[in-house]
Amino acid sequence: MLKIRLQGTVKDIRWFKRLLKSHPEIRVLSVSEIFSNKGTNRYFRSYAEVEKTEKKEKKEEER
């Protein structure tokens, strides 16, 4: 499992979350809400927990 901190604009964070969720080799376990960063009103952060999809799961999804 990987714990990932996403940091960027709200638009970029939302784009990357969609990218993670649609990738066939990644299973997204959880994604946090978007938090503001101290000292800036442009950049935000979010956290995601992901893991590699097992080969068996990929085959079942392809059916």
C-alpha atoms as a PDB file:
ATOM      1  CA  MET A   1       0.000   0.000   0.000  1.00  0.00           C
ATOM      2  CA  LEU A   2       1.105   3.541  -0.729  1.00  0.00           C
ATOM      3  CA  LYS A   3       0.024   6.674   1.080  1.00  0.00           C
ATOM      4  CA  ILE A   4       0.224   9.646  -1.244  1.00  0.00           C
ATOM      5  CA  ARG A   5      -0.005  13.352  -0.532  1.00  0.00           C
ATOM      6  CA  LEU A   6      -1.370  15.308  -3.486  1.00  0.00           C
ATOM      7  CA  GLN A   7      -0.557  19.002  -3.572  1.00  0.00           C
ATOM      8  CA  GLY A   8      -1.593  21.534  -6.173  1.00  0.00           C
ATOM      9  CA  THR A   9      -4.550  23.525  -7.364  1.00  0.00           C
ATOM     10  CA  VAL A  10      -8.026  22.130  -6.700  1.00  0.00           C
ATOM     11  CA  LYS A  11      -8.433  21.494 -10.431  1.00  0.00           C
ATOM     12  CA  ASP A  12      -5.157  19.549 -10.640  1.00  0.00           C
ATOM     13  CA  ILE A  13      -5.931  17.463  -7.544  1.00  0.00           C
ATOM     14  CA  ARG A  14      -9.367  16.512  -8.888  1.00  0.00           C
ATOM     15  CA  TRP A  15      -7.828  15.601 -12.268  1.00  0.00           C
ATOM     16  CA  PHE A  16      -5.207  13.367 -10.658  1.00  0.00           C
ATOM     17  CA  LYS A  17      -7.778  11.644  -8.417  1.00  0.00           C
ATOM     18  CA  ARG A  18      -9.801  10.741 -11.529  1.00  0.00           C
ATOM     19  CA  LEU A  19      -6.624   9.491 -13.201  1.00  0.00           C
ATOM     20  CA  LEU A  20      -5.791   7.268 -10.217  1.00  0.00           C
ATOM     21  CA  LYS A  21      -9.309   5.840 -10.010  1.00  0.00           C
ATOM     22  CA  SER A  22      -9.431   5.010 -13.715  1.00  0.00           C
ATOM     23  CA  HIS A  23      -6.028   3.299 -13.906  1.00  0.00           C
ATOM     24  CA  PRO A  24      -6.475  -0.500 -14.297  1.00  0.00           C
ATOM     25  CA  GLU A  25      -3.388  -1.398 -12.243  1.00  0.00           C
ATOM     26  CA  ILE A  26      -4.244   0.767  -9.230  1.00  0.00           C
ATOM     27  CA  ARG A  27      -6.926   0.194  -6.615  1.00  0.00           C
ATOM     28  CA  VAL A  28      -7.803   3.347  -4.691  1.00  0.00           C
ATOM     29  CA  LEU A  29      -8.564   2.463  -1.081  1.00  0.00           C
ATOM     30  CA  SER A  30      -9.403   5.948   0.134  1.00  0.00           C
ATOM     31  CA  VAL A  31      -9.144   9.599  -0.824  1.00  0.00           C
ATOM     32  CA  SER A  32      -9.474  12.457   1.634  1.00  0.00           C
ATOM     33  CA  GLU A  33     -11.268  15.710   1.126  1.00  0.00           C
ATOM     34  CA  ILE A  34      -9.274  18.668  -0.179  1.00  0.00           C
ATOM     35  CA  PHE A  35      -7.610  20.773   2.529  1.00  0.00           C
ATOM     36  CA  SER A  36      -6.264  24.306   2.257  1.00  0.00           C
ATOM     37  CA  ASN A  37      -2.567  24.956   2.841  1.00  0.00           C
ATOM     38  CA  LYS A  38      -1.377  27.572   5.293  1.00  0.00           C
ATOM     39  CA  GLY A  39       0.130  30.649   3.710  1.00  0.00           C
ATOM     40  CA  THR A  40      -1.487  30.269   0.285  1.00  0.00           C
ATOM     41  CA  ASN A  41      -4.961  30.378  -1.171  1.00  0.00           C
ATOM     42  CA  ARG A  42      -3.875  28.862  -4.496  1.00  0.00           C
ATOM     43  CA  TYR A  43      -2.478  25.477  -3.492  1.00  0.00           C
ATOM     44  CA  PHE A  44      -4.320  22.750  -1.620  1.00  0.00           C
ATOM     45  CA  ARG A  45      -3.622  19.191  -0.496  1.00  0.00           C
ATOM     46  CA  SER A  46      -5.357  15.841  -0.370  1.00  0.00           C
ATOM     47  CA  TYR A  47      -4.320  12.356   0.691  1.00  0.00           C
ATOM     48  CA  ALA A  48      -4.847   9.022  -1.039  1.00  0.00           C
ATOM     49  CA  GLU A  49      -4.200   5.408  -0.114  1.00  0.00           C
ATOM     50  CA  VAL A  50      -3.664   3.096  -3.074  1.00  0.00           C
ATOM     51  CA  GLU A  51      -2.404  -0.373  -3.785  1.00  0.00           C
ATOM     52  CA  LYS A  52      -1.409  -2.375  -6.812  1.00  0.00           C
ATOM     53  CA  THR A  53      -4.228  -4.394  -8.369  1.00  0.00           C
ATOM     54  CA  GLU A  54      -3.643  -8.131  -8.265  1.00  0.00           C
ATOM     55  CA  LYS A  55      -3.478  -9.954 -11.604  1.00  0.00           C
ATOM     56  CA  LYS A  56      -6.538 -12.047 -10.703  1.00  0.00           C
ATOM     57  CA  GLU A  57      -8.606  -8.906 -10.092  1.00  0.00           C
ATOM     58  CA  LYS A  58      -7.557  -7.409 -13.453  1.00  0.00           C
ATOM     59  CA  LYS A  59      -8.732 -10.525 -15.300  1.00  0.00           C
ATOM     60  CA  GLU A  60     -12.119 -10.433 -13.551  1.00  0.00           C
ATOM     61  CA  GLU A  61     -12.574  -6.754 -14.456  1.00  0.00           C
ATOM     62  CA  GLU A  62     -11.859  -7.484 -18.125  1.00  0.00           C
ATOM     63  CA  ARG A  63     -14.758  -9.958 -18.344  1.00  0.00           C
END
